[in-house]
């Protein structure tokens, strides 16, 4: 699915939620979701990341049944009409099970296989890809933040490998905006290259997030230039996949950065 090193892959965000921080309610109907997915693919998205529960700060918990009601009809429609891989953004094994059974290629778990003890075995059973993200309930760290993130990711990788997930199907995400203050988010972005020590492909998800809003003092849909800055600097520091809302703008920036940094 991915051939790392030659180009940066663009993951397009498709939220079918009423309360996502940036596009809540915009694509909660199946036909609207399908139309937006096709627009992102036409703009160059390599993979579509479908989310049925907002994970923004202060989000409302959604149970697995409600999440499935939101994502399953969209997955079925996407599988009929698009030809790029689909990722589902969930930390619930029931949602992952149903999604993978419908042909979804990847699970994007914001709790790094930790929140649901069955998640890793479900992904392994379906021979799926997984993105393991760093996350925690507080912004307190008892050691250097990058060392904490790397330790967390290595432990989660072990959970995945022990369950039978193939090494080549794992990617990692430092979790910008999750369990981190504004200053901590900037520090992680400043030190992204340290994640290369782990030897796994890196996904970066900064699109329209509050760390950008706090710097630029603009609303979420006005944060495209700030997102592009993190995309380009991330590619310089070894990022392989960027998860973004604004495909066309980020793919142009990524192509330019690839030409410079990947040759």
Protein backbone atom coordinates (compact mmCIF):
# COMPACT_ATOMS: atom_id res chain seq x y z
CA UNK A 1 0.00 0.00 0.00
CA UNK A 2 2.86 2.37 0.80
CA UNK A 3 6.35 2.58 -0.67
CA UNK A 4 8.10 4.80 1.85
CA UNK A 5 10.96 7.09 1.02
CA UNK A 6 10.02 8.09 -2.52
CA UNK A 7 7.18 10.49 -1.73
CA UNK A 8 5.04 11.87 1.05
CA UNK A 9 1.61 10.27 1.20
CA UNK A 10 -1.43 12.49 1.71
CA UNK A 11 -4.18 11.22 4.01
CA UNK A 12 -7.46 13.09 3.52
CA UNK A 13 -9.66 13.64 6.58
CA UNK A 14 -13.33 12.62 6.24
CA UNK A 15 -15.25 13.24 9.47
CA UNK A 16 -18.82 11.93 9.57
CA UNK A 17 -19.43 13.51 12.95
CA UNK A 18 -21.67 16.35 14.13
CA UNK A 19 -19.06 17.85 16.46
CA UNK A 20 -15.55 17.71 14.96
CA UNK A 21 -13.68 20.94 15.73
CA UNK A 22 -13.19 21.99 12.12
CA UNK A 23 -15.82 20.36 9.91
CA UNK A 24 -18.41 18.94 12.32
CA UNK A 25 -21.65 18.19 10.50
CA UNK A 26 -20.30 19.07 7.05
CA UNK A 27 -20.16 15.48 5.76
CA UNK A 28 -22.43 13.51 8.11
CA UNK A 29 -24.76 12.43 5.27
CA UNK A 30 -23.53 9.50 3.15
CA UNK A 31 -23.79 11.26 -0.22
CA UNK A 32 -22.03 14.38 1.08
CA UNK A 33 -19.27 12.20 2.55
CA UNK A 34 -18.85 10.34 -0.74
CA UNK A 35 -18.74 13.59 -2.72
CA UNK A 36 -16.08 15.04 -0.43
CA UNK A 37 -13.99 11.85 -0.56
CA UNK A 38 -14.06 11.98 -4.36
CA UNK A 39 -13.04 15.66 -4.28
CA UNK A 40 -10.07 14.84 -2.04
CA UNK A 41 -9.02 11.97 -4.31
CA UNK A 42 -9.28 14.21 -7.37
CA UNK A 43 -7.04 16.69 -5.56
CA UNK A 44 -4.47 13.93 -4.99
CA UNK A 45 -5.26 12.21 -1.67
CA UNK A 46 -3.58 8.81 -1.42
CA UNK A 47 -5.76 7.48 1.41
CA UNK A 48 -9.04 8.54 3.04
CA UNK A 49 -9.24 8.55 6.86
CA UNK A 50 -12.84 8.15 7.99
CA UNK A 51 -13.84 9.17 11.51
CA UNK A 52 -17.14 8.53 13.29
CA UNK A 53 -16.28 10.03 16.67
CA UNK A 54 -14.70 13.41 17.28
CA UNK A 55 -11.55 13.23 19.40
CA UNK A 56 -11.18 16.98 19.83
CA UNK A 57 -10.58 18.28 23.39
CA UNK A 58 -13.83 18.01 25.35
CA UNK A 59 -15.47 15.75 22.77
CA UNK A 60 -18.59 13.78 23.63
CA UNK A 61 -18.08 10.02 23.94
CA UNK A 62 -19.83 7.95 21.27
CA UNK A 63 -20.50 4.25 21.87
CA UNK A 64 -19.53 1.62 19.33
CA UNK A 65 -23.08 1.14 18.04
CA UNK A 66 -23.50 4.83 17.25
CA UNK A 67 -20.03 5.00 15.70
CA UNK A 68 -20.86 2.01 13.49
CA UNK A 69 -24.14 3.64 12.40
CA UNK A 70 -22.10 6.61 11.21
CA UNK A 71 -19.22 4.87 9.45
CA UNK A 72 -20.55 1.58 8.03
CA UNK A 73 -22.88 3.11 5.39
CA UNK A 74 -20.07 5.43 4.30
CA UNK A 75 -17.52 2.61 4.12
CA UNK A 76 -19.88 0.56 1.95
CA UNK A 77 -20.43 3.47 -0.42
CA UNK A 78 -16.72 4.36 -0.56
CA UNK A 79 -15.78 0.75 -1.31
CA UNK A 80 -18.22 0.76 -4.23
CA UNK A 81 -17.08 4.02 -5.76
CA UNK A 82 -13.47 4.89 -4.91
CA UNK A 83 -10.21 3.06 -5.52
CA UNK A 84 -7.85 4.43 -2.87
CA UNK A 85 -7.22 2.76 0.50
CA UNK A 86 -9.49 3.64 3.42
CA UNK A 87 -8.42 4.13 7.02
CA UNK A 88 -10.89 4.25 9.90
CA UNK A 89 -10.08 6.50 12.84
CA UNK A 90 -11.25 4.51 15.87
CA UNK A 91 -9.99 3.11 19.17
CA UNK A 92 -12.84 0.58 19.54
CA UNK A 93 -12.23 -3.00 18.44
CA UNK A 94 -15.89 -3.55 17.47
CA UNK A 95 -15.69 -0.66 15.01
CA UNK A 96 -12.33 -1.89 13.72
CA UNK A 97 -13.68 -5.43 13.28
CA UNK A 98 -16.68 -4.31 11.22
CA UNK A 99 -14.61 -1.85 9.19
CA UNK A 100 -11.84 -4.31 8.32
CA UNK A 101 -14.43 -6.97 7.44
CA UNK A 102 -15.87 -4.50 4.91
CA UNK A 103 -12.46 -4.15 3.26
CA UNK A 104 -10.96 -1.16 5.05
CA UNK A 105 -7.17 -1.37 4.84
CA UNK A 106 -6.06 0.50 7.96
CA UNK A 107 -7.04 1.46 11.51
CA UNK A 108 -5.88 4.80 12.88
CA UNK A 109 -5.93 4.34 16.67
CA UNK A 110 -5.56 7.56 18.67
CA UNK A 111 -4.92 5.49 21.81
CA UNK A 112 -2.11 3.41 20.32
CA UNK A 113 -3.72 -0.04 20.89
CA UNK A 114 -4.07 0.76 24.62
CA UNK A 115 -7.71 1.77 25.16
CA UNK A 116 -9.22 -1.50 23.88
CA UNK A 117 -7.28 -4.67 24.66
CA UNK A 118 -8.80 -6.50 21.68
CA UNK A 119 -7.76 -3.92 19.08
CA UNK A 120 -4.36 -5.37 18.18
CA UNK A 121 -5.66 -8.93 17.71
CA UNK A 122 -8.55 -7.69 15.52
CA UNK A 123 -6.15 -5.81 13.24
CA UNK A 124 -3.80 -8.80 13.10
CA UNK A 125 -6.66 -11.17 12.24
CA UNK A 126 -7.54 -9.07 9.20
CA UNK A 127 -3.87 -8.45 8.29
CA UNK A 128 -4.53 -4.72 8.47
CA UNK A 129 -2.32 -1.69 8.63
CA UNK A 130 -2.30 0.39 11.80
CA UNK A 131 -1.26 3.87 12.82
CA UNK A 132 -0.23 3.90 16.47
CA UNK A 133 -0.59 7.34 18.04
CA UNK A 134 0.84 8.66 21.30
CA UNK A 135 -1.82 9.85 23.72
CA UNK A 136 -2.38 10.32 27.44
CA UNK A 137 -5.04 11.75 29.74
CA UNK A 138 -2.87 14.52 31.20
CA UNK A 139 -0.19 16.93 30.00
CA UNK A 140 2.14 15.91 32.85
CA UNK A 141 5.38 14.12 31.90
CA UNK A 142 7.77 12.61 34.43
CA UNK A 143 10.68 12.65 31.97
CA UNK A 144 11.75 14.36 28.74
CA UNK A 145 8.67 14.56 26.52
CA UNK A 146 10.23 12.95 23.45
CA UNK A 147 11.64 10.12 25.52
CA UNK A 148 8.15 9.58 27.00
CA UNK A 149 6.56 9.55 23.54
CA UNK A 150 9.14 7.12 22.16
CA UNK A 151 8.73 4.82 25.17
CA UNK A 152 4.94 4.83 24.76
CA UNK A 153 5.18 4.12 21.04
CA UNK A 154 7.66 1.28 21.52
CA UNK A 155 5.39 -0.34 24.10
CA UNK A 156 2.41 -0.02 21.76
CA UNK A 157 4.43 -1.42 18.86
CA UNK A 158 5.26 -4.43 21.04
CA UNK A 159 1.55 -4.93 21.77
CA UNK A 160 0.89 -4.94 18.04
CA UNK A 161 3.76 -7.23 17.10
CA UNK A 162 2.93 -9.67 19.90
CA UNK A 163 -0.65 -9.84 18.62
CA UNK A 164 0.59 -10.67 15.12
CA UNK A 165 0.46 -7.32 13.32
CA UNK A 166 3.22 -7.30 10.71
CA UNK A 167 6.05 -4.85 11.32
CA UNK A 168 5.79 -3.45 7.80
CA UNK A 169 2.13 -2.56 8.45
CA UNK A 170 2.80 -0.29 11.43
CA UNK A 171 3.26 3.46 11.36
CA UNK A 172 3.61 5.88 14.28
CA UNK A 173 2.16 9.29 15.13
CA UNK A 174 3.48 11.62 17.89
CA UNK A 175 -0.08 12.77 18.65
CA UNK A 176 0.02 16.53 18.15
CA UNK A 177 -2.85 18.02 20.16
CA UNK A 178 -3.32 14.98 22.39
CA UNK A 179 -2.09 15.03 26.00
CA UNK A 180 0.10 18.04 25.29
CA UNK A 181 0.05 21.76 26.04
CA UNK A 182 0.58 24.41 23.36
CA UNK A 183 4.28 24.66 24.28
CA UNK A 184 4.67 20.87 24.36
CA UNK A 185 3.12 20.55 20.90
CA UNK A 186 5.63 23.05 19.55
CA UNK A 187 8.49 21.19 21.21
CA UNK A 188 7.40 17.88 19.68
CA UNK A 189 7.18 19.52 16.24
CA UNK A 190 10.62 21.02 16.79
CA UNK A 191 12.06 17.60 17.66
CA UNK A 192 10.15 15.38 15.21
CA UNK A 193 13.33 13.99 13.68
CA UNK A 194 14.05 12.11 16.92
CA UNK A 195 11.21 9.70 16.07
CA UNK A 196 13.31 8.36 13.19
CA UNK A 197 15.31 6.48 15.85
CA UNK A 198 12.37 4.03 16.18
CA UNK A 199 12.64 2.85 12.57
CA UNK A 200 8.96 3.12 11.66
CA UNK A 201 7.17 5.35 9.13
CA UNK A 202 5.87 8.56 10.72
CA UNK A 203 2.42 10.06 10.25
CA UNK A 204 1.91 13.72 11.18
CA UNK A 205 -1.55 15.08 11.97
CA UNK A 206 -1.52 18.82 12.61
CA UNK A 207 -4.19 19.99 10.18
CA UNK A 208 -6.09 23.06 11.45
CA UNK A 209 -5.28 22.16 15.07
CA UNK A 210 -5.22 24.56 18.00
CA UNK A 211 -1.41 24.73 18.07
CA UNK A 212 -1.70 26.49 14.70
CA UNK A 213 -4.68 28.55 15.78
CA UNK A 214 -2.84 29.75 18.87
CA UNK A 215 0.12 30.94 16.80
CA UNK A 216 -1.89 32.56 14.01
CA UNK A 217 -4.99 33.57 16.02
CA UNK A 218 -7.38 32.40 13.28
CA UNK A 219 -10.36 30.05 13.08
CA UNK A 220 -9.88 26.38 12.03
CA UNK A 221 -10.72 26.80 8.34
CA UNK A 222 -8.23 29.70 8.13
CA UNK A 223 -5.27 27.58 9.25
CA UNK A 224 -4.21 26.16 5.88
CA UNK A 225 -0.92 28.10 5.66
CA UNK A 226 0.04 27.09 9.18
CA UNK A 227 -0.74 23.48 8.35
CA UNK A 228 1.42 23.70 5.22
CA UNK A 229 4.33 24.98 7.31
CA UNK A 230 4.12 21.89 9.53
CA UNK A 231 3.79 19.64 6.49
CA UNK A 232 6.97 20.97 4.90
CA UNK A 233 8.99 20.99 8.12
CA UNK A 234 7.68 17.52 8.94
CA UNK A 235 8.85 16.17 5.57
CA UNK A 236 12.27 17.69 6.22
CA UNK A 237 12.37 15.79 9.52
CA UNK A 238 11.37 12.40 8.09
CA UNK A 239 7.55 12.35 8.04
CA UNK A 240 6.10 9.88 5.51
CA UNK A 241 2.36 10.60 5.73
CA UNK A 242 0.50 13.85 6.46
CA UNK A 243 -3.13 13.77 7.58
CA UNK A 244 -4.84 16.93 6.33
CA UNK A 245 -8.14 18.60 5.47
CA UNK A 246 -6.87 20.82 2.65
CA UNK A 247 -5.55 18.36 0.09
CA UNK A 248 -4.68 20.49 -2.92
CA UNK A 249 -2.63 23.03 -0.98
CA UNK A 250 -0.76 20.45 1.11
CA UNK A 251 -0.02 18.14 -1.81
CA UNK A 252 1.60 20.99 -3.74
CA UNK A 253 3.71 21.88 -0.71
CA UNK A 254 4.60 18.21 -0.18
CA UNK A 255 5.65 17.74 -3.80
CA UNK A 256 7.96 20.73 -3.53
CA UNK A 257 9.37 19.53 -0.22
CA UNK A 258 9.84 16.03 -1.66
CA UNK A 259 11.77 17.46 -4.61
CA UNK A 260 14.12 19.20 -2.19
CA UNK A 261 14.47 16.65 0.61
CA UNK A 262 13.91 13.32 -1.16
CA UNK A 263 15.52 14.27 -4.47
